[in-house]
All heavy atoms as atom14 arrays in JSON, in Angstrom:
{
  "sequence": "AMGWYRQAPGKQRELIASISSPSREQYVDSVKGRFTISRDNAKNT",
  "atom14_mask": [
    [1, 1, 1, 1, 1, 0, 0, 0, 0, 0, 0, 0, 0, 0],
    [1, 1, 1, 1, 1, 1, 1, 1, 0, 0, 0, 0, 0, 0],
    [1, 1, 1, 1, 0, 0, 0, 0, 0, 0, 0, 0, 0, 0],
    [1, 1, 1, 1, 1, 1, 1, 1, 1, 1, 1, 1, 1, 1],
    [1, 1, 1, 1, 1, 1, 1, 1, 1, 1, 1, 1, 0, 0],
    [1, 1, 1, 1, 1, 1, 1, 1, 1, 1, 1, 0, 0, 0],
    [1, 1, 1, 1, 1, 1, 1, 1, 1, 0, 0, 0, 0, 0],
    [1, 1, 1, 1, 1, 0, 0, 0, 0, 0, 0, 0, 0, 0],
    [1, 1, 1, 1, 1, 1, 1, 0, 0, 0, 0, 0, 0, 0],
    [1, 1, 1, 1, 0, 0, 0, 0, 0, 0, 0, 0, 0, 0],
    [1, 1, 1, 1, 1, 1, 1, 1, 1, 0, 0, 0, 0, 0],
    [1, 1, 1, 1, 1, 1, 1, 1, 1, 0, 0, 0, 0, 0],
    [1, 1, 1, 1, 1, 1, 1, 1, 1, 1, 1, 0, 0, 0],
    [1, 1, 1, 1, 1, 1, 1, 1, 1, 0, 0, 0, 0, 0],
    [1, 1, 1, 1, 1, 1, 1, 1, 0, 0, 0, 0, 0, 0],
    [1, 1, 1, 1, 1, 1, 1, 1, 0, 0, 0, 0, 0, 0],
    [1, 1, 1, 1, 1, 0, 0, 0, 0, 0, 0, 0, 0, 0],
    [1, 1, 1, 1, 1, 1, 0, 0, 0, 0, 0, 0, 0, 0],
    [1, 1, 1, 1, 1, 1, 1, 1, 0, 0, 0, 0, 0, 0],
    [1, 1, 1, 1, 1, 1, 0, 0, 0, 0, 0, 0, 0, 0],
    [1, 1, 1, 1, 1, 1, 0, 0, 0, 0, 0, 0, 0, 0],
    [1, 1, 1, 1, 1, 1, 1, 0, 0, 0, 0, 0, 0, 0],
    [1, 1, 1, 1, 1, 1, 0, 0, 0, 0, 0, 0, 0, 0],
    [1, 1, 1, 1, 1, 1, 1, 1, 1, 1, 1, 0, 0, 0],
    [1, 1, 1, 1, 1, 1, 1, 1, 1, 0, 0, 0, 0, 0],
    [1, 1, 1, 1, 1, 1, 1, 1, 1, 0, 0, 0, 0, 0],
    [1, 1, 1, 1, 1, 1, 1, 1, 1, 1, 1, 1, 0, 0],
    [1, 1, 1, 1, 1, 1, 1, 0, 0, 0, 0, 0, 0, 0],
    [1, 1, 1, 1, 1, 1, 1, 1, 0, 0, 0, 0, 0, 0],
    [1, 1, 1, 1, 1, 1, 0, 0, 0, 0, 0, 0, 0, 0],
    [1, 1, 1, 1, 1, 1, 1, 0, 0, 0, 0, 0, 0, 0],
    [1, 1, 1, 1, 1, 1, 1, 1, 1, 0, 0, 0, 0, 0],
    [1, 1, 1, 1, 0, 0, 0, 0, 0, 0, 0, 0, 0, 0],
    [1, 1, 1, 1, 1, 1, 1, 1, 1, 1, 1, 0, 0, 0],
    [1, 1, 1, 1, 1, 1, 1, 1, 1, 1, 1, 0, 0, 0],
    [1, 1, 1, 1, 1, 1, 1, 0, 0, 0, 0, 0, 0, 0],
    [1, 1, 1, 1, 1, 1, 1, 1, 0, 0, 0, 0, 0, 0],
    [1, 1, 1, 1, 1, 1, 0, 0, 0, 0, 0, 0, 0, 0],
    [1, 1, 1, 1, 1, 1, 1, 1, 1, 1, 1, 0, 0, 0],
    [1, 1, 1, 1, 1, 1, 1, 1, 0, 0, 0, 0, 0, 0],
    [1, 1, 1, 1, 1, 1, 1, 1, 0, 0, 0, 0, 0, 0],
    [1, 1, 1, 1, 1, 0, 0, 0, 0, 0, 0, 0, 0, 0],
    [1, 1, 1, 1, 1, 1, 1, 1, 1, 0, 0, 0, 0, 0],
    [1, 1, 1, 1, 1, 1, 1, 1, 0, 0, 0, 0, 0, 0],
    [1, 1, 1, 1, 1, 1, 1, 0, 0, 0, 0, 0, 0, 0]
  ],
  "atom14_positions": [
    [[-166.7, 90.62, 58.09], [-167.76, 89.87, 57.33], [-168.73, 90.86, 56.98], [-169.11, 91.81, 57.66], [-168.36, 88.76, 58.29], [0.0, 0.0, 0.0], [0.0, 0.0, 0.0], [0.0, 0.0, 0.0], [0.0, 0.0, 0.0], [0.0, 0.0, 0.0], [0.0, 0.0, 0.0], [0.0, 0.0, 0.0], [0.0, 0.0, 0.0], [0.0, 0.0, 0.0]],
    [[-169.34, 90.66, 55.79], [-170.33, 91.56, 55.19], [-171.65, 90.78, 54.92], [-171.6, 89.6, 54.73], [-169.88, 92.25, 53.92], [-168.59, 93.06, 54.07], [-168.9, 94.56, 55.1], [-170.02, 95.48, 54.09], [0.0, 0.0, 0.0], [0.0, 0.0, 0.0], [0.0, 0.0, 0.0], [0.0, 0.0, 0.0], [0.0, 0.0, 0.0], [0.0, 0.0, 0.0]],
    [[-172.65, 91.55, 54.83], [-174.0, 90.94, 54.56], [-174.97, 91.81, 53.89], [-174.76, 93.09, 53.85], [0.0, 0.0, 0.0], [0.0, 0.0, 0.0], [0.0, 0.0, 0.0], [0.0, 0.0, 0.0], [0.0, 0.0, 0.0], [0.0, 0.0, 0.0], [0.0, 0.0, 0.0], [0.0, 0.0, 0.0], [0.0, 0.0, 0.0], [0.0, 0.0, 0.0]],
    [[-176.02, 91.2, 53.29], [-177.09, 91.91, 52.81], [-178.31, 91.7, 53.68], [-178.63, 90.59, 54.1], [-177.44, 91.44, 51.35], [-176.5, 91.97, 50.38], [-175.36, 91.41, 49.84], [-176.62, 93.28, 49.67], [-174.78, 92.21, 48.86], [-175.53, 93.38, 48.81], [-177.5, 94.38, 49.78], [-175.28, 94.47, 48.02], [-177.26, 95.47, 49.03], [-176.15, 95.55, 48.08]],
    [[-178.95, 92.75, 54.03], [-180.11, 92.81, 54.83], [-181.25, 93.39, 54.01], [-181.11, 94.04, 53.08], [-180.02, 93.73, 56.04], [-178.81, 93.37, 56.99], [-177.52, 93.78, 56.6], [-179.03, 92.87, 58.2], [-176.44, 93.47, 57.38], [-177.99, 92.59, 59.07], [-176.63, 92.98, 58.71], [-175.6, 92.7, 59.5], [0.0, 0.0, 0.0], [0.0, 0.0, 0.0]],
    [[-182.55, 92.95, 54.34], [-183.65, 93.59, 53.64], [-184.79, 93.88, 54.65], [-184.88, 93.18, 55.67], [-184.17, 92.68, 52.54], [-184.79, 91.39, 52.95], [-185.16, 90.56, 51.62], [-185.78, 89.3, 51.95], [-186.14, 88.36, 51.09], [-185.8, 88.54, 49.82], [-186.77, 87.3, 51.47], [0.0, 0.0, 0.0], [0.0, 0.0, 0.0], [0.0, 0.0, 0.0]],
    [[-185.54, 94.82, 54.3], [-186.68, 95.2, 55.13], [-187.96, 95.5, 54.28], [-187.97, 96.35, 53.37], [-186.46, 96.49, 55.96], [-187.46, 96.85, 56.91], [-186.99, 97.97, 57.85], [-186.2, 98.76, 57.53], [-187.53, 97.98, 59.05], [0.0, 0.0, 0.0], [0.0, 0.0, 0.0], [0.0, 0.0, 0.0], [0.0, 0.0, 0.0], [0.0, 0.0, 0.0]],
    [[-188.92, 94.57, 54.42], [-190.15, 94.78, 53.71], [-191.13, 95.57, 54.55], [-190.91, 95.7, 55.74], [-190.79, 93.36, 53.46], [0.0, 0.0, 0.0], [0.0, 0.0, 0.0], [0.0, 0.0, 0.0], [0.0, 0.0, 0.0], [0.0, 0.0, 0.0], [0.0, 0.0, 0.0], [0.0, 0.0, 0.0], [0.0, 0.0, 0.0], [0.0, 0.0, 0.0]],
    [[-192.05, 96.18, 53.9], [-193.03, 97.03, 54.65], [-193.64, 96.25, 55.86], [-194.14, 95.14, 55.69], [-194.13, 97.39, 53.59], [-193.34, 97.35, 52.34], [-192.4, 96.19, 52.48], [0.0, 0.0, 0.0], [0.0, 0.0, 0.0], [0.0, 0.0, 0.0], [0.0, 0.0, 0.0], [0.0, 0.0, 0.0], [0.0, 0.0, 0.0], [0.0, 0.0, 0.0]],
    [[-193.65, 96.86, 56.97], [-194.29, 96.26, 58.24], [-193.44, 95.23, 58.82], [-193.9, 94.65, 59.8], [0.0, 0.0, 0.0], [0.0, 0.0, 0.0], [0.0, 0.0, 0.0], [0.0, 0.0, 0.0], [0.0, 0.0, 0.0], [0.0, 0.0, 0.0], [0.0, 0.0, 0.0], [0.0, 0.0, 0.0], [0.0, 0.0, 0.0], [0.0, 0.0, 0.0]],
    [[-192.28, 95.02, 58.31], [-191.38, 93.97, 58.94], [-190.05, 94.62, 59.38], [-189.68, 95.62, 58.88], [-191.14, 92.84, 57.97], [-192.39, 92.08, 57.49], [-191.99, 90.94, 56.6], [-193.27, 90.22, 56.17], [-192.86, 89.07, 55.22], [0.0, 0.0, 0.0], [0.0, 0.0, 0.0], [0.0, 0.0, 0.0], [0.0, 0.0, 0.0], [0.0, 0.0, 0.0]],
    [[-189.39, 93.9, 60.25], [-188.1, 94.39, 60.66], [-187.05, 93.99, 59.74], [-187.18, 93.05, 58.91], [-187.76, 93.88, 62.07], [-187.5, 92.37, 62.15], [-187.07, 91.99, 63.57], [-187.51, 92.57, 64.57], [-186.21, 90.94, 63.72], [0.0, 0.0, 0.0], [0.0, 0.0, 0.0], [0.0, 0.0, 0.0], [0.0, 0.0, 0.0], [0.0, 0.0, 0.0]],
    [[-185.9, 94.7, 59.69], [-184.74, 94.36, 58.92], [-184.2, 93.02, 59.31], [-183.98, 92.72, 60.44], [-183.73, 95.51, 59.01], [-182.56, 95.3, 58.07], [-181.72, 96.54, 57.97], [-181.91, 97.6, 58.92], [-181.88, 98.9, 58.66], [-181.64, 99.32, 57.4], [-182.04, 99.76, 59.65], [0.0, 0.0, 0.0], [0.0, 0.0, 0.0], [0.0, 0.0, 0.0]],
    [[-183.87, 92.23, 58.34], [-183.32, 90.9, 58.59], [-182.16, 90.61, 57.63], [-182.07, 91.06, 56.51], [-184.38, 89.79, 58.38], [-184.88, 89.64, 56.96], [-185.76, 88.47, 56.75], [-185.76, 87.52, 57.66], [-186.45, 88.35, 55.74], [0.0, 0.0, 0.0], [0.0, 0.0, 0.0], [0.0, 0.0, 0.0], [0.0, 0.0, 0.0], [0.0, 0.0, 0.0]],
    [[-181.17, 89.89, 58.16], [-180.05, 89.47, 57.45], [-180.39, 88.3, 56.56], [-181.0, 87.28, 57.04], [-178.95, 89.02, 58.4], [-177.61, 88.47, 57.72], [-176.88, 89.62, 57.01], [-176.68, 87.95, 58.87], [0.0, 0.0, 0.0], [0.0, 0.0, 0.0], [0.0, 0.0, 0.0], [0.0, 0.0, 0.0], [0.0, 0.0, 0.0], [0.0, 0.0, 0.0]],
    [[-180.16, 88.33, 55.28], [-180.52, 87.28, 54.33], [-179.29, 86.58, 53.71], [-179.46, 85.45, 53.31], [-181.39, 87.81, 53.24], [-180.76, 88.87, 52.35], [-182.72, 88.28, 53.77], [-181.41, 89.17, 51.05], [0.0, 0.0, 0.0], [0.0, 0.0, 0.0], [0.0, 0.0, 0.0], [0.0, 0.0, 0.0], [0.0, 0.0, 0.0], [0.0, 0.0, 0.0]],
    [[-178.18, 87.24, 53.71], [-176.95, 86.57, 53.13], [-175.76, 87.25, 53.75], [-175.72, 88.43, 54.08], [-176.93, 86.78, 51.63], [0.0, 0.0, 0.0], [0.0, 0.0, 0.0], [0.0, 0.0, 0.0], [0.0, 0.0, 0.0], [0.0, 0.0, 0.0], [0.0, 0.0, 0.0], [0.0, 0.0, 0.0], [0.0, 0.0, 0.0], [0.0, 0.0, 0.0]],
    [[-174.75, 86.47, 53.99], [-173.51, 87.0, 54.62], [-172.26, 86.28, 53.91], [-172.34, 85.21, 53.43], [-173.41, 86.79, 56.1], [-173.4, 85.39, 56.43], [0.0, 0.0, 0.0], [0.0, 0.0, 0.0], [0.0, 0.0, 0.0], [0.0, 0.0, 0.0], [0.0, 0.0, 0.0], [0.0, 0.0, 0.0], [0.0, 0.0, 0.0], [0.0, 0.0, 0.0]],
    [[-171.18, 86.98, 53.99], [-169.92, 86.41, 53.45], [-168.78, 86.94, 54.29], [-168.61, 88.05, 54.61], [-169.77, 86.9, 51.95], [-168.51, 86.23, 51.35], [-169.72, 88.38, 51.8], [-168.4, 86.28, 49.84], [0.0, 0.0, 0.0], [0.0, 0.0, 0.0], [0.0, 0.0, 0.0], [0.0, 0.0, 0.0], [0.0, 0.0, 0.0], [0.0, 0.0, 0.0]],
    [[-167.89, 85.94, 54.7], [-166.79, 86.34, 55.49], [-165.64, 86.58, 54.53], [-165.75, 86.57, 53.3], [-166.36, 85.18, 56.39], [-166.06, 84.03, 55.62], [0.0, 0.0, 0.0], [0.0, 0.0, 0.0], [0.0, 0.0, 0.0], [0.0, 0.0, 0.0], [0.0, 0.0, 0.0], [0.0, 0.0, 0.0], [0.0, 0.0, 0.0], [0.0, 0.0, 0.0]],
    [[-164.52, 87.0, 55.1], [-163.31, 87.25, 54.32], [-162.37, 86.14, 54.51], [-162.0, 85.87, 55.68], [-162.68, 88.61, 54.67], [-161.6, 88.9, 53.77], [0.0, 0.0, 0.0], [0.0, 0.0, 0.0], [0.0, 0.0, 0.0], [0.0, 0.0, 0.0], [0.0, 0.0, 0.0], [0.0, 0.0, 0.0], [0.0, 0.0, 0.0], [0.0, 0.0, 0.0]],
    [[-162.03, 85.35, 53.47], [-162.12, 85.74, 52.1], [-163.52, 85.5, 51.43], [-163.97, 86.24, 50.64], [-161.1, 84.92, 51.4], [-160.87, 83.68, 52.18], [-161.12, 84.17, 53.62], [0.0, 0.0, 0.0], [0.0, 0.0, 0.0], [0.0, 0.0, 0.0], [0.0, 0.0, 0.0], [0.0, 0.0, 0.0], [0.0, 0.0, 0.0], [0.0, 0.0, 0.0]],
    [[-164.14, 84.26, 51.74], [-165.29, 83.98, 50.87], [-166.25, 82.9, 51.4], [-166.82, 82.2, 50.62], [-164.88, 83.63, 49.5], [-164.0, 82.47, 49.51], [0.0, 0.0, 0.0], [0.0, 0.0, 0.0], [0.0, 0.0, 0.0], [0.0, 0.0, 0.0], [0.0, 0.0, 0.0], [0.0, 0.0, 0.0], [0.0, 0.0, 0.0], [0.0, 0.0, 0.0]],
    [[-166.5, 82.77, 52.68], [-167.49, 81.85, 53.21], [-168.85, 82.44, 53.1], [-169.04, 83.56, 53.7], [-167.14, 81.38, 54.63], [-167.96, 80.16, 55.07], [-167.72, 79.8, 56.48], [-168.47, 80.67, 57.44], [-167.97, 81.62, 58.13], [-166.64, 81.87, 58.03], [-168.72, 82.29, 58.93], [0.0, 0.0, 0.0], [0.0, 0.0, 0.0], [0.0, 0.0, 0.0]],
    [[-169.85, 81.83, 52.51], [-171.16, 82.36, 52.25], [-172.16, 81.64, 53.03], [-172.14, 80.35, 53.28], [-171.51, 82.25, 50.75], [-170.46, 82.85, 49.86], [-170.67, 82.41, 48.41], [-171.82, 82.04, 48.03], [-169.64, 82.39, 47.71], [0.0, 0.0, 0.0], [0.0, 0.0, 0.0], [0.0, 0.0, 0.0], [0.0, 0.0, 0.0], [0.0, 0.0, 0.0]],
    [[-173.19, 82.3, 53.57], [-174.38, 81.81, 54.26], [-175.61, 82.56, 53.87], [-175.62, 83.71, 53.57], [-174.18, 81.87, 55.73], [-173.06, 80.92, 56.3], [-173.08, 80.77, 57.82], [-173.18, 81.81, 58.5], [-172.86, 79.59, 58.27], [0.0, 0.0, 0.0], [0.0, 0.0, 0.0], [0.0, 0.0, 0.0], [0.0, 0.0, 0.0], [0.0, 0.0, 0.0]],
    [[-176.75, 81.77, 53.81], [-178.01, 82.31, 53.37], [-179.13, 81.89, 54.24], [-179.11, 80.74, 54.75], [-178.24, 81.95, 51.87], [-177.17, 82.21, 50.92], [-176.21, 81.33, 50.68], [-177.21, 83.44, 50.29], [-175.17, 81.57, 49.73], [-176.2, 83.72, 49.35], [-175.18, 82.79, 49.08], [-174.18, 83.07, 48.19], [0.0, 0.0, 0.0], [0.0, 0.0, 0.0]],
    [[-180.19, 82.68, 54.3], [-181.43, 82.17, 54.98], [-182.1, 81.3, 53.92], [-181.88, 81.35, 52.69], [-182.35, 83.31, 55.31], [-181.74, 84.11, 56.44], [-182.67, 84.22, 54.17], [0.0, 0.0, 0.0], [0.0, 0.0, 0.0], [0.0, 0.0, 0.0], [0.0, 0.0, 0.0], [0.0, 0.0, 0.0], [0.0, 0.0, 0.0], [0.0, 0.0, 0.0]],
    [[-182.93, 80.37, 54.34], [-183.54, 79.41, 53.5], [-184.36, 80.04, 52.48], [-184.49, 79.46, 51.29], [-184.42, 78.47, 54.38], [-183.62, 77.45, 55.18], [-182.38, 77.3, 54.93], [-184.19, 76.96, 56.12], [0.0, 0.0, 0.0], [0.0, 0.0, 0.0], [0.0, 0.0, 0.0], [0.0, 0.0, 0.0], [0.0, 0.0, 0.0], [0.0, 0.0, 0.0]],
    [[-184.95, 81.13, 52.69], [-185.89, 81.68, 51.68], [-185.15, 82.25, 50.39], [-185.83, 82.38, 49.34], [-186.69, 82.89, 52.27], [-185.79, 83.89, 52.79], [0.0, 0.0, 0.0], [0.0, 0.0, 0.0], [0.0, 0.0, 0.0], [0.0, 0.0, 0.0], [0.0, 0.0, 0.0], [0.0, 0.0, 0.0], [0.0, 0.0, 0.0], [0.0, 0.0, 0.0]],
    [[-183.88, 82.46, 50.48], [-183.15, 82.92, 49.35], [-182.12, 81.91, 48.86], [-181.48, 82.06, 47.76], [-182.45, 84.27, 49.53], [-183.5, 85.34, 50.07], [-181.31, 84.17, 50.49], [0.0, 0.0, 0.0], [0.0, 0.0, 0.0], [0.0, 0.0, 0.0], [0.0, 0.0, 0.0], [0.0, 0.0, 0.0], [0.0, 0.0, 0.0], [0.0, 0.0, 0.0]],
    [[-181.87, 80.87, 49.58], [-180.81, 79.94, 49.32], [-181.19, 79.25, 47.9], [-182.26, 78.78, 47.71], [-180.75, 78.87, 50.41], [-179.49, 77.94, 50.3], [-179.44, 76.98, 51.42], [-179.28, 77.73, 52.74], [-179.07, 76.85, 53.89], [0.0, 0.0, 0.0], [0.0, 0.0, 0.0], [0.0, 0.0, 0.0], [0.0, 0.0, 0.0], [0.0, 0.0, 0.0]],
    [[-180.15, 79.17, 47.04], [-180.3, 78.63, 45.77], [-180.76, 79.7, 44.7], [-180.73, 79.38, 43.55], [0.0, 0.0, 0.0], [0.0, 0.0, 0.0], [0.0, 0.0, 0.0], [0.0, 0.0, 0.0], [0.0, 0.0, 0.0], [0.0, 0.0, 0.0], [0.0, 0.0, 0.0], [0.0, 0.0, 0.0], [0.0, 0.0, 0.0], [0.0, 0.0, 0.0]],
    [[-181.21, 80.8, 45.14], [-181.61, 81.9, 44.25], [-180.66, 83.09, 44.27], [-180.5, 83.66, 43.21], [-183.02, 82.34, 44.54], [-184.08, 81.24, 44.41], [-185.52, 81.76, 44.56], [-185.66, 82.45, 45.88], [-185.96, 83.73, 46.04], [-186.17, 84.55, 44.97], [-186.21, 84.26, 47.22], [0.0, 0.0, 0.0], [0.0, 0.0, 0.0], [0.0, 0.0, 0.0]],
    [[-180.14, 83.4, 45.44], [-179.28, 84.54, 45.58], [-177.81, 84.09, 45.79], [-177.6, 83.06, 46.43], [-179.7, 85.37, 46.84], [-181.02, 86.09, 46.68], [-181.86, 85.87, 45.58], [-181.41, 86.99, 47.64], [-183.12, 86.55, 45.49], [-182.56, 87.65, 47.56], [-183.46, 87.42, 46.45], [0.0, 0.0, 0.0], [0.0, 0.0, 0.0], [0.0, 0.0, 0.0]],
    [[-176.91, 84.87, 45.36], [-175.43, 84.61, 45.53], [-174.79, 85.88, 46.03], [-174.84, 86.98, 45.3], [-174.81, 84.14, 44.23], [-175.42, 82.93, 43.82], [-173.36, 83.81, 44.56], [0.0, 0.0, 0.0], [0.0, 0.0, 0.0], [0.0, 0.0, 0.0], [0.0, 0.0, 0.0], [0.0, 0.0, 0.0], [0.0, 0.0, 0.0], [0.0, 0.0, 0.0]],
    [[-174.09, 85.87, 47.21], [-173.36, 86.95, 47.66], [-171.91, 86.72, 47.39], [-171.36, 85.59, 47.41], [-173.57, 87.12, 49.2], [-172.89, 88.43, 49.71], [-173.11, 85.94, 49.98], [-173.27, 88.76, 51.15], [0.0, 0.0, 0.0], [0.0, 0.0, 0.0], [0.0, 0.0, 0.0], [0.0, 0.0, 0.0], [0.0, 0.0, 0.0], [0.0, 0.0, 0.0]],
    [[-171.2, 87.77, 47.04], [-169.77, 87.72, 46.68], [-169.14, 89.04, 47.1], [-169.8, 89.99, 47.36], [-169.58, 87.46, 45.22], [-170.06, 88.4, 44.43], [0.0, 0.0, 0.0], [0.0, 0.0, 0.0], [0.0, 0.0, 0.0], [0.0, 0.0, 0.0], [0.0, 0.0, 0.0], [0.0, 0.0, 0.0], [0.0, 0.0, 0.0], [0.0, 0.0, 0.0]],
    [[-167.83, 88.99, 47.15], [-167.08, 90.28, 47.49], [-165.79, 90.3, 46.76], [-165.23, 89.33, 46.32], [-166.81, 90.26, 49.04], [-165.85, 89.19, 49.51], [-165.76, 89.23, 51.09], [-165.34, 90.47, 51.58], [-165.5, 90.86, 52.93], [-166.23, 90.06, 53.62], [-165.05, 92.0, 53.27], [0.0, 0.0, 0.0], [0.0, 0.0, 0.0], [0.0, 0.0, 0.0]],
    [[-165.39, 91.58, 46.5], [-164.1, 91.81, 45.87], [-163.43, 92.78, 46.83], [-163.67, 94.01, 46.82], [-164.37, 92.48, 44.55], [-163.08, 92.67, 43.71], [-161.96, 92.73, 44.33], [-163.13, 92.76, 42.43], [0.0, 0.0, 0.0], [0.0, 0.0, 0.0], [0.0, 0.0, 0.0], [0.0, 0.0, 0.0], [0.0, 0.0, 0.0], [0.0, 0.0, 0.0]],
    [[-162.47, 92.27, 47.58], [-161.81, 93.04, 48.57], [-160.93, 94.08, 47.96], [-160.74, 95.17, 48.57], [-161.03, 92.15, 49.51], [-161.81, 91.32, 50.45], [-162.94, 91.68, 50.75], [-161.19, 90.29, 50.99], [0.0, 0.0, 0.0], [0.0, 0.0, 0.0], [0.0, 0.0, 0.0], [0.0, 0.0, 0.0], [0.0, 0.0, 0.0], [0.0, 0.0, 0.0]],
    [[-160.4, 93.86, 46.78], [-159.58, 94.81, 46.09], [-160.42, 96.06, 45.73], [-159.86, 97.16, 45.61], [-158.88, 94.2, 44.92], [0.0, 0.0, 0.0], [0.0, 0.0, 0.0], [0.0, 0.0, 0.0], [0.0, 0.0, 0.0], [0.0, 0.0, 0.0], [0.0, 0.0, 0.0], [0.0, 0.0, 0.0], [0.0, 0.0, 0.0], [0.0, 0.0, 0.0]],
    [[-161.69, 95.91, 45.45], [-162.54, 97.01, 45.1], [-163.4, 97.46, 46.21], [-164.23, 98.36, 46.06], [-163.45, 96.57, 43.89], [-162.65, 96.3, 42.63], [-163.59, 95.93, 41.47], [-162.85, 95.72, 40.22], [-163.79, 95.37, 39.08], [0.0, 0.0, 0.0], [0.0, 0.0, 0.0], [0.0, 0.0, 0.0], [0.0, 0.0, 0.0], [0.0, 0.0, 0.0]],
    [[-163.27, 96.85, 47.4], [-164.05, 97.22, 48.6], [-165.58, 97.17, 48.27], [-166.25, 98.03, 48.64], [-163.61, 98.55, 49.1], [-162.18, 98.7, 49.48], [-161.69, 97.82, 50.22], [-161.52, 99.66, 48.96], [0.0, 0.0, 0.0], [0.0, 0.0, 0.0], [0.0, 0.0, 0.0], [0.0, 0.0, 0.0], [0.0, 0.0, 0.0], [0.0, 0.0, 0.0]],
    [[-165.93, 96.08, 47.62], [-167.29, 96.0, 47.15], [-167.88, 94.61, 47.44], [-167.15, 93.6, 47.34], [-167.4, 96.22, 45.63], [-166.88, 97.57, 45.31], [-168.78, 96.16, 45.09], [0.0, 0.0, 0.0], [0.0, 0.0, 0.0], [0.0, 0.0, 0.0], [0.0, 0.0, 0.0], [0.0, 0.0, 0.0], [0.0, 0.0, 0.0], [0.0, 0.0, 0.0]]
  ]
}
């Protein structure tokens, strides 16, 4: 499973979006509806 984390100044790194293989997606409330995570396993991206 892969995810995107972010770290703002003065704050700790936090997970904001994740995706399992093949394609189950989860988001924190602050980005839900605005961000979309996806993966291409053939391209390892």
